[in-house]
Amino acid sequence: MSTIEKAGTAPKLADFLCFAVYSANLAFGKAYKPILDELGLTYTQYITIIALWEEDNQTVGSLGEKLFLESNTLTPILKKLEAMGYLSRERDPADERQVLVSLTRSGRRLREKGLNMDLVDACGLTPQEFGKVQKAIATLRNNLIKAVEERQ
């Protein structure tokens, strides 16, 4: 029984953890918007490029796993980034069923243009708090994914 149920009151929107995470995500989007608008990128395109900075020349499947995106969602993002000149997609010569995604010189240069700007300061957390919150949210995400998989 939750604290809210024990108190005999109906839960309010602000009492839901899912709403806190959802609204924090919206706030991050607003904080990143000026930076991304200047470069003509969406947040999903941005995190795709970050994942490729971390590990370039990876398969679409591997990239999708890291980003928690299905192929049918990721492919249009990759096509758009390719059309913008930030990445290339090529069949893996060792396994033609696989498509490899790599950053172009322009994609790598985005770091120099300000895409590496992290909004840590805007969070208003100390470095220790930031690390704890990030780890707690990642744990929450992983627990939710595990719970869904166990139900299937």
N, C-alpha and C. Protein backbone atom coordinates (compact mmCIF):
# COMPACT_ATOMS: atom_id res chain seq x y z
N MET A 1 0.86 -1.18 0.00
CA MET A 1 0.00 0.00 0.00
C MET A 1 0.90 1.24 0.00
N SER A 2 0.58 2.19 -0.84
CA SER A 2 1.40 3.40 -0.93
C SER A 2 1.05 4.37 0.18
N THR A 3 1.92 5.35 0.37
CA THR A 3 1.69 6.40 1.36
C THR A 3 0.39 7.13 1.07
N ILE A 4 0.12 7.35 -0.20
CA ILE A 4 -1.11 8.05 -0.62
C ILE A 4 -2.34 7.24 -0.23
N GLU A 5 -2.28 5.92 -0.48
CA GLU A 5 -3.43 5.08 -0.14
C GLU A 5 -3.65 5.02 1.37
N LYS A 6 -2.55 4.97 2.13
CA LYS A 6 -2.66 4.92 3.59
C LYS A 6 -3.32 6.19 4.12
N ALA A 7 -2.99 7.30 3.49
CA ALA A 7 -3.57 8.57 3.94
C ALA A 7 -5.03 8.70 3.53
N GLY A 8 -5.50 7.82 2.65
CA GLY A 8 -6.89 7.84 2.23
C GLY A 8 -7.22 8.94 1.23
N THR A 9 -6.22 9.47 0.57
CA THR A 9 -6.46 10.52 -0.42
C THR A 9 -6.22 9.96 -1.82
N ALA A 10 -6.95 10.53 -2.76
CA ALA A 10 -6.76 10.14 -4.15
C ALA A 10 -5.44 10.71 -4.64
N PRO A 11 -4.68 9.92 -5.39
CA PRO A 11 -3.40 10.44 -5.89
C PRO A 11 -3.60 11.61 -6.85
N LYS A 12 -2.69 12.55 -6.76
CA LYS A 12 -2.70 13.70 -7.66
C LYS A 12 -1.68 13.44 -8.75
N LEU A 13 -1.82 14.14 -9.84
CA LEU A 13 -0.91 13.97 -10.97
C LEU A 13 0.55 14.11 -10.52
N ALA A 14 0.85 15.08 -9.70
CA ALA A 14 2.22 15.32 -9.23
C ALA A 14 2.76 14.17 -8.39
N ASP A 15 1.90 13.28 -7.90
CA ASP A 15 2.33 12.14 -7.09
C ASP A 15 2.82 10.96 -7.92
N PHE A 16 2.60 10.99 -9.22
CA PHE A 16 2.96 9.88 -10.10
C PHE A 16 4.40 10.02 -10.58
N LEU A 17 5.20 9.00 -10.33
CA LEU A 17 6.58 8.99 -10.80
C LEU A 17 6.64 9.08 -12.32
N CYS A 18 5.74 8.39 -12.99
CA CYS A 18 5.74 8.41 -14.46
C CYS A 18 5.54 9.84 -14.98
N PHE A 19 4.73 10.64 -14.28
CA PHE A 19 4.53 12.02 -14.72
C PHE A 19 5.77 12.86 -14.45
N ALA A 20 6.43 12.62 -13.35
CA ALA A 20 7.67 13.35 -13.05
C ALA A 20 8.72 13.09 -14.14
N VAL A 21 8.86 11.82 -14.54
CA VAL A 21 9.83 11.47 -15.58
C VAL A 21 9.40 12.07 -16.92
N TYR A 22 8.13 11.94 -17.26
CA TYR A 22 7.59 12.48 -18.51
C TYR A 22 7.79 13.99 -18.59
N SER A 23 7.44 14.71 -17.54
CA SER A 23 7.55 16.16 -17.56
C SER A 23 9.01 16.62 -17.54
N ALA A 24 9.89 15.85 -16.88
CA ALA A 24 11.32 16.16 -16.92
C ALA A 24 11.85 15.98 -18.35
N ASN A 25 11.38 14.97 -19.03
CA ASN A 25 11.76 14.75 -20.43
C ASN A 25 11.33 15.94 -21.30
N LEU A 26 10.13 16.43 -21.08
CA LEU A 26 9.67 17.61 -21.82
C LEU A 26 10.54 18.83 -21.51
N ALA A 27 10.93 18.98 -20.25
CA ALA A 27 11.77 20.11 -19.86
C ALA A 27 13.15 20.00 -20.52
N PHE A 28 13.70 18.80 -20.60
CA PHE A 28 14.97 18.61 -21.31
C PHE A 28 14.82 19.02 -22.78
N GLY A 29 13.72 18.62 -23.38
CA GLY A 29 13.47 18.98 -24.78
C GLY A 29 13.47 20.49 -24.99
N LYS A 30 12.82 21.20 -24.09
CA LYS A 30 12.77 22.67 -24.18
C LYS A 30 14.16 23.28 -23.96
N ALA A 31 14.93 22.70 -23.05
CA ALA A 31 16.27 23.22 -22.77
C ALA A 31 17.22 23.02 -23.97
N TYR A 32 17.09 21.90 -24.64
CA TYR A 32 17.94 21.60 -25.79
C TYR A 32 17.46 22.28 -27.08
N LYS A 33 16.21 22.68 -27.13
CA LYS A 33 15.61 23.18 -28.36
C LYS A 33 16.40 24.30 -29.05
N PRO A 34 16.85 25.34 -28.36
CA PRO A 34 17.58 26.40 -29.07
C PRO A 34 18.86 25.90 -29.75
N ILE A 35 19.57 25.01 -29.07
CA ILE A 35 20.80 24.45 -29.64
C ILE A 35 20.48 23.62 -30.87
N LEU A 36 19.47 22.76 -30.75
CA LEU A 36 19.13 21.86 -31.84
C LEU A 36 18.49 22.60 -33.01
N ASP A 37 17.66 23.60 -32.71
CA ASP A 37 17.05 24.39 -33.79
C ASP A 37 18.10 25.07 -34.65
N GLU A 38 19.14 25.56 -34.01
CA GLU A 38 20.21 26.24 -34.74
C GLU A 38 20.87 25.29 -35.76
N LEU A 39 20.93 24.01 -35.41
CA LEU A 39 21.55 23.02 -36.28
C LEU A 39 20.53 22.26 -37.14
N GLY A 40 19.25 22.51 -36.93
CA GLY A 40 18.23 21.83 -37.71
C GLY A 40 18.05 20.37 -37.35
N LEU A 41 18.28 20.04 -36.08
CA LEU A 41 18.17 18.66 -35.62
C LEU A 41 17.04 18.50 -34.61
N THR A 42 16.47 17.30 -34.57
CA THR A 42 15.54 16.94 -33.52
C THR A 42 16.34 16.30 -32.38
N TYR A 43 15.71 16.14 -31.23
CA TYR A 43 16.39 15.52 -30.11
C TYR A 43 16.77 14.08 -30.44
N THR A 44 15.90 13.35 -31.13
CA THR A 44 16.19 11.96 -31.49
C THR A 44 17.37 11.89 -32.46
N GLN A 45 17.44 12.83 -33.38
CA GLN A 45 18.60 12.88 -34.28
C GLN A 45 19.87 13.16 -33.48
N TYR A 46 19.76 14.05 -32.51
CA TYR A 46 20.88 14.42 -31.64
C TYR A 46 21.42 13.20 -30.90
N ILE A 47 20.55 12.43 -30.25
CA ILE A 47 21.03 11.28 -29.48
C ILE A 47 21.58 10.19 -30.41
N THR A 48 21.06 10.13 -31.63
CA THR A 48 21.60 9.19 -32.62
C THR A 48 23.04 9.54 -32.94
N ILE A 49 23.31 10.82 -33.15
CA ILE A 49 24.67 11.27 -33.45
C ILE A 49 25.58 11.03 -32.25
N ILE A 50 25.09 11.28 -31.04
CA ILE A 50 25.90 11.03 -29.84
C ILE A 50 26.27 9.54 -29.75
N ALA A 51 25.32 8.67 -30.02
CA ALA A 51 25.60 7.22 -29.99
C ALA A 51 26.66 6.85 -31.02
N LEU A 52 26.68 7.54 -32.15
CA LEU A 52 27.70 7.27 -33.17
C LEU A 52 29.04 7.90 -32.81
N TRP A 53 29.03 9.01 -32.07
CA TRP A 53 30.30 9.56 -31.56
C TRP A 53 30.93 8.55 -30.62
N GLU A 54 30.09 7.92 -29.83
CA GLU A 54 30.57 6.95 -28.84
C GLU A 54 31.13 5.71 -29.53
N GLU A 55 30.44 5.24 -30.56
CA GLU A 55 30.88 4.06 -31.31
C GLU A 55 30.44 4.23 -32.76
N ASP A 56 31.38 4.58 -33.59
CA ASP A 56 31.08 4.78 -35.00
C ASP A 56 31.06 3.42 -35.72
N ASN A 57 30.50 3.42 -36.91
CA ASN A 57 30.48 2.24 -37.77
C ASN A 57 29.83 1.04 -37.08
N GLN A 58 28.58 1.22 -36.68
CA GLN A 58 27.84 0.13 -36.05
C GLN A 58 26.61 -0.21 -36.87
N THR A 59 26.04 -1.36 -36.59
CA THR A 59 24.87 -1.79 -37.35
C THR A 59 23.63 -1.02 -36.91
N VAL A 60 22.65 -0.98 -37.78
CA VAL A 60 21.38 -0.33 -37.45
C VAL A 60 20.77 -1.01 -36.23
N GLY A 61 20.85 -2.33 -36.17
CA GLY A 61 20.30 -3.07 -35.03
C GLY A 61 20.96 -2.70 -33.71
N SER A 62 22.29 -2.61 -33.72
CA SER A 62 23.03 -2.24 -32.52
C SER A 62 22.69 -0.82 -32.08
N LEU A 63 22.62 0.07 -33.05
CA LEU A 63 22.28 1.46 -32.75
C LEU A 63 20.87 1.56 -32.17
N GLY A 64 19.93 0.82 -32.75
CA GLY A 64 18.56 0.81 -32.26
C GLY A 64 18.47 0.32 -30.83
N GLU A 65 19.25 -0.71 -30.49
CA GLU A 65 19.26 -1.22 -29.12
C GLU A 65 19.74 -0.16 -28.14
N LYS A 66 20.80 0.54 -28.50
CA LYS A 66 21.33 1.58 -27.61
C LYS A 66 20.34 2.71 -27.40
N LEU A 67 19.60 3.04 -28.45
CA LEU A 67 18.67 4.17 -28.39
C LEU A 67 17.26 3.76 -27.95
N PHE A 68 17.04 2.46 -27.78
CA PHE A 68 15.71 1.94 -27.43
C PHE A 68 14.70 2.29 -28.51
N LEU A 69 15.13 2.17 -29.78
CA LEU A 69 14.26 2.46 -30.92
C LEU A 69 14.15 1.24 -31.82
N GLU A 70 12.95 0.99 -32.31
CA GLU A 70 12.73 -0.07 -33.28
C GLU A 70 13.27 0.38 -34.64
N SER A 71 13.58 -0.58 -35.47
CA SER A 71 14.14 -0.28 -36.79
C SER A 71 13.22 0.62 -37.62
N ASN A 72 11.90 0.37 -37.52
CA ASN A 72 10.96 1.18 -38.32
C ASN A 72 10.88 2.63 -37.83
N THR A 73 11.33 2.91 -36.62
CA THR A 73 11.41 4.28 -36.11
C THR A 73 12.78 4.87 -36.43
N LEU A 74 13.82 4.07 -36.30
CA LEU A 74 15.19 4.54 -36.50
C LEU A 74 15.51 4.81 -37.96
N THR A 75 15.03 3.98 -38.87
CA THR A 75 15.40 4.12 -40.28
C THR A 75 15.07 5.49 -40.85
N PRO A 76 13.87 6.06 -40.63
CA PRO A 76 13.62 7.41 -41.16
C PRO A 76 14.56 8.47 -40.57
N ILE A 77 14.95 8.29 -39.31
CA ILE A 77 15.89 9.22 -38.67
C ILE A 77 17.24 9.13 -39.37
N LEU A 78 17.69 7.91 -39.63
CA LEU A 78 18.97 7.71 -40.31
C LEU A 78 18.94 8.26 -41.73
N LYS A 79 17.83 8.05 -42.42
CA LYS A 79 17.71 8.57 -43.78
C LYS A 79 17.81 10.10 -43.80
N LYS A 80 17.17 10.74 -42.84
CA LYS A 80 17.19 12.20 -42.75
C LYS A 80 18.60 12.69 -42.44
N LEU A 81 19.27 12.05 -41.47
CA LEU A 81 20.64 12.44 -41.13
C LEU A 81 21.60 12.19 -42.30
N GLU A 82 21.33 11.15 -43.06
CA GLU A 82 22.15 10.87 -44.25
C GLU A 82 21.93 11.97 -45.29
N ALA A 83 20.68 12.36 -45.50
CA ALA A 83 20.36 13.43 -46.46
C ALA A 83 20.98 14.75 -46.03
N MET A 84 21.13 14.95 -44.72
CA MET A 84 21.74 16.17 -44.19
C MET A 84 23.27 16.12 -44.28
N GLY A 85 23.81 14.96 -44.64
CA GLY A 85 25.25 14.81 -44.80
C GLY A 85 26.00 14.45 -43.53
N TYR A 86 25.29 14.02 -42.47
CA TYR A 86 25.93 13.73 -41.19
C TYR A 86 26.34 12.27 -41.02
N LEU A 87 25.77 11.38 -41.80
CA LEU A 87 26.15 9.97 -41.70
C LEU A 87 25.98 9.28 -43.04
N SER A 88 26.54 8.08 -43.11
CA SER A 88 26.37 7.24 -44.30
C SER A 88 25.90 5.87 -43.85
N ARG A 89 25.16 5.22 -44.72
CA ARG A 89 24.68 3.86 -44.45
C ARG A 89 25.15 2.98 -45.60
N GLU A 90 25.78 1.85 -45.25
CA GLU A 90 26.27 0.93 -46.27
C GLU A 90 26.07 -0.50 -45.80
N ARG A 91 25.83 -1.38 -46.75
CA ARG A 91 25.72 -2.80 -46.42
C ARG A 91 27.07 -3.29 -45.92
N ASP A 92 27.03 -4.14 -44.90
CA ASP A 92 28.25 -4.74 -44.36
C ASP A 92 28.77 -5.75 -45.39
N PRO A 93 29.99 -5.57 -45.91
CA PRO A 93 30.50 -6.51 -46.90
C PRO A 93 30.61 -7.94 -46.36
N ALA A 94 30.81 -8.08 -45.05
CA ALA A 94 30.91 -9.42 -44.44
C ALA A 94 29.55 -10.08 -44.26
N ASP A 95 28.48 -9.29 -44.18
CA ASP A 95 27.12 -9.81 -44.00
C ASP A 95 26.15 -8.80 -44.60
N GLU A 96 25.77 -9.00 -45.81
CA GLU A 96 24.97 -8.02 -46.54
C GLU A 96 23.57 -7.81 -45.97
N ARG A 97 23.18 -8.65 -45.01
CA ARG A 97 21.88 -8.43 -44.34
C ARG A 97 21.96 -7.26 -43.37
N GLN A 98 23.19 -6.92 -42.97
CA GLN A 98 23.41 -5.86 -42.00
C GLN A 98 23.74 -4.55 -42.69
N VAL A 99 23.22 -3.45 -42.13
CA VAL A 99 23.55 -2.12 -42.62
C VAL A 99 24.40 -1.43 -41.56
N LEU A 100 25.57 -0.93 -41.99
CA LEU A 100 26.47 -0.22 -41.09
C LEU A 100 26.23 1.27 -41.20
N VAL A 101 26.24 1.93 -40.06
CA VAL A 101 26.02 3.38 -39.99
C VAL A 101 27.31 4.02 -39.50
N SER A 102 27.77 5.04 -40.23
CA SER A 102 29.00 5.75 -39.87
C SER A 102 28.80 7.24 -40.00
N LEU A 103 29.46 7.98 -39.14
CA LEU A 103 29.43 9.44 -39.24
C LEU A 103 30.32 9.90 -40.39
N THR A 104 29.90 10.94 -41.04
CA THR A 104 30.74 11.60 -42.04
C THR A 104 31.59 12.64 -41.32
N ARG A 105 32.46 13.28 -42.07
CA ARG A 105 33.27 14.36 -41.48
C ARG A 105 32.35 15.43 -40.90
N SER A 106 31.27 15.76 -41.61
CA SER A 106 30.31 16.77 -41.12
C SER A 106 29.65 16.31 -39.82
N GLY A 107 29.33 15.04 -39.71
CA GLY A 107 28.73 14.51 -38.48
C GLY A 107 29.68 14.60 -37.30
N ARG A 108 30.96 14.32 -37.55
CA ARG A 108 31.95 14.42 -36.48
C ARG A 108 32.19 15.88 -36.09
N ARG A 109 32.08 16.79 -37.04
CA ARG A 109 32.32 18.21 -36.77
C ARG A 109 31.20 18.85 -35.94
N LEU A 110 30.06 18.20 -35.84
CA LEU A 110 28.97 18.77 -35.04
C LEU A 110 29.40 19.04 -33.60
N ARG A 111 30.31 18.23 -33.10
CA ARG A 111 30.82 18.46 -31.74
C ARG A 111 31.42 19.85 -31.62
N GLU A 112 32.16 20.24 -32.64
CA GLU A 112 32.82 21.54 -32.63
C GLU A 112 31.81 22.68 -32.73
N LYS A 113 30.65 22.40 -33.30
CA LYS A 113 29.63 23.43 -33.50
C LYS A 113 28.73 23.60 -32.28
N GLY A 114 29.01 22.89 -31.23
CA GLY A 114 28.23 23.11 -30.03
C GLY A 114 27.33 21.96 -29.63
N LEU A 115 27.28 20.90 -30.42
CA LEU A 115 26.42 19.79 -30.05
C LEU A 115 26.97 19.03 -28.85
N ASN A 116 28.22 19.24 -28.53
CA ASN A 116 28.74 18.56 -27.36
C ASN A 116 28.38 19.30 -26.07
N MET A 117 27.67 20.42 -26.22
CA MET A 117 27.24 21.17 -25.03
C MET A 117 26.24 20.33 -24.26
N ASP A 118 26.60 20.03 -23.06
CA ASP A 118 25.70 19.27 -22.21
C ASP A 118 25.02 20.26 -21.27
N LEU A 119 23.80 20.05 -20.98
CA LEU A 119 23.06 20.98 -20.14
C LEU A 119 23.08 20.57 -18.67
N VAL A 120 24.21 20.05 -18.23
CA VAL A 120 24.34 19.63 -16.84
C VAL A 120 24.07 20.80 -15.90
N ASP A 121 24.65 21.95 -16.21
CA ASP A 121 24.46 23.11 -15.33
C ASP A 121 22.99 23.50 -15.20
N ALA A 122 22.24 23.36 -16.28
CA ALA A 122 20.82 23.73 -16.24
C ALA A 122 20.03 22.84 -15.29
N CYS A 123 20.54 21.66 -15.01
CA CYS A 123 19.85 20.74 -14.10
C CYS A 123 19.89 21.24 -12.66
N GLY A 124 20.87 22.07 -12.33
CA GLY A 124 20.97 22.60 -10.97
C GLY A 124 21.37 21.56 -9.95
N LEU A 125 22.04 20.51 -10.38
CA LEU A 125 22.47 19.45 -9.48
C LEU A 125 23.99 19.50 -9.31
N THR A 126 24.45 19.09 -8.15
CA THR A 126 25.90 18.95 -7.98
C THR A 126 26.35 17.77 -8.83
N PRO A 127 27.64 17.66 -9.13
CA PRO A 127 28.11 16.50 -9.90
C PRO A 127 27.72 15.17 -9.24
N GLN A 128 27.77 15.11 -7.91
CA GLN A 128 27.40 13.88 -7.21
C GLN A 128 25.90 13.59 -7.37
N GLU A 129 25.07 14.63 -7.21
CA GLU A 129 23.63 14.45 -7.37
C GLU A 129 23.30 14.05 -8.80
N PHE A 130 23.96 14.70 -9.75
CA PHE A 130 23.71 14.39 -11.16
C PHE A 130 23.96 12.91 -11.43
N GLY A 131 25.10 12.41 -10.96
CA GLY A 131 25.43 10.99 -11.16
C GLY A 131 24.42 10.06 -10.52
N LYS A 132 23.99 10.40 -9.31
CA LYS A 132 23.01 9.56 -8.60
C LYS A 132 21.66 9.55 -9.33
N VAL A 133 21.21 10.72 -9.77
CA VAL A 133 19.91 10.80 -10.47
C VAL A 133 19.98 10.04 -11.79
N GLN A 134 21.07 10.24 -12.53
CA GLN A 134 21.21 9.55 -13.82
C GLN A 134 21.19 8.03 -13.61
N LYS A 135 21.91 7.54 -12.62
CA LYS A 135 21.95 6.10 -12.36
C LYS A 135 20.59 5.59 -11.89
N ALA A 136 19.90 6.37 -11.07
CA ALA A 136 18.58 5.95 -10.57
C ALA A 136 17.58 5.86 -11.72
N ILE A 137 17.63 6.82 -12.63
CA ILE A 137 16.70 6.79 -13.76
C ILE A 137 17.03 5.63 -14.69
N ALA A 138 18.32 5.38 -14.93
CA ALA A 138 18.71 4.24 -15.77
C ALA A 138 18.26 2.92 -15.12
N THR A 139 18.40 2.81 -13.80
CA THR A 139 17.94 1.61 -13.09
C THR A 139 16.42 1.47 -13.22
N LEU A 140 15.71 2.56 -13.05
CA LEU A 140 14.25 2.55 -13.22
C LEU A 140 13.87 2.06 -14.61
N ARG A 141 14.51 2.62 -15.64
CA ARG A 141 14.25 2.21 -17.02
C ARG A 141 14.50 0.73 -17.20
N ASN A 142 15.65 0.25 -16.73
CA ASN A 142 15.99 -1.16 -16.89
C ASN A 142 15.02 -2.07 -16.15
N ASN A 143 14.59 -1.67 -14.97
CA ASN A 143 13.62 -2.47 -14.22
C ASN A 143 12.28 -2.54 -14.95
N LEU A 144 11.86 -1.42 -15.53
CA LEU A 144 10.60 -1.41 -16.28
C LEU A 144 10.68 -2.30 -17.52
N ILE A 145 11.79 -2.23 -18.22
CA ILE A 145 11.98 -3.08 -19.41
C ILE A 145 11.95 -4.55 -19.00
N LYS A 146 12.63 -4.87 -17.91
CA LYS A 146 12.66 -6.27 -17.42
C LYS A 146 11.26 -6.73 -17.04
N ALA A 147 10.50 -5.89 -16.37
CA ALA A 147 9.14 -6.26 -15.96
C ALA A 147 8.25 -6.52 -17.17
N VAL A 148 8.38 -5.69 -18.19
CA VAL A 148 7.57 -5.88 -19.41
C VAL A 148 7.96 -7.19 -20.08
N GLU A 149 9.27 -7.45 -20.18
CA GLU A 149 9.74 -8.69 -20.82
C GLU A 149 9.28 -9.93 -20.06
N GLU A 150 9.25 -9.85 -18.74
CA GLU A 150 8.80 -10.98 -17.93
C GLU A 150 7.32 -11.28 -18.11
N ARG A 151 6.55 -10.28 -18.44
CA ARG A 151 5.11 -10.48 -18.64
C ARG A 151 4.78 -11.08 -19.99
N GLN A 152 5.72 -11.01 -20.90
CA GLN A 152 5.45 -11.50 -22.27
C GLN A 152 5.69 -12.96 -22.43
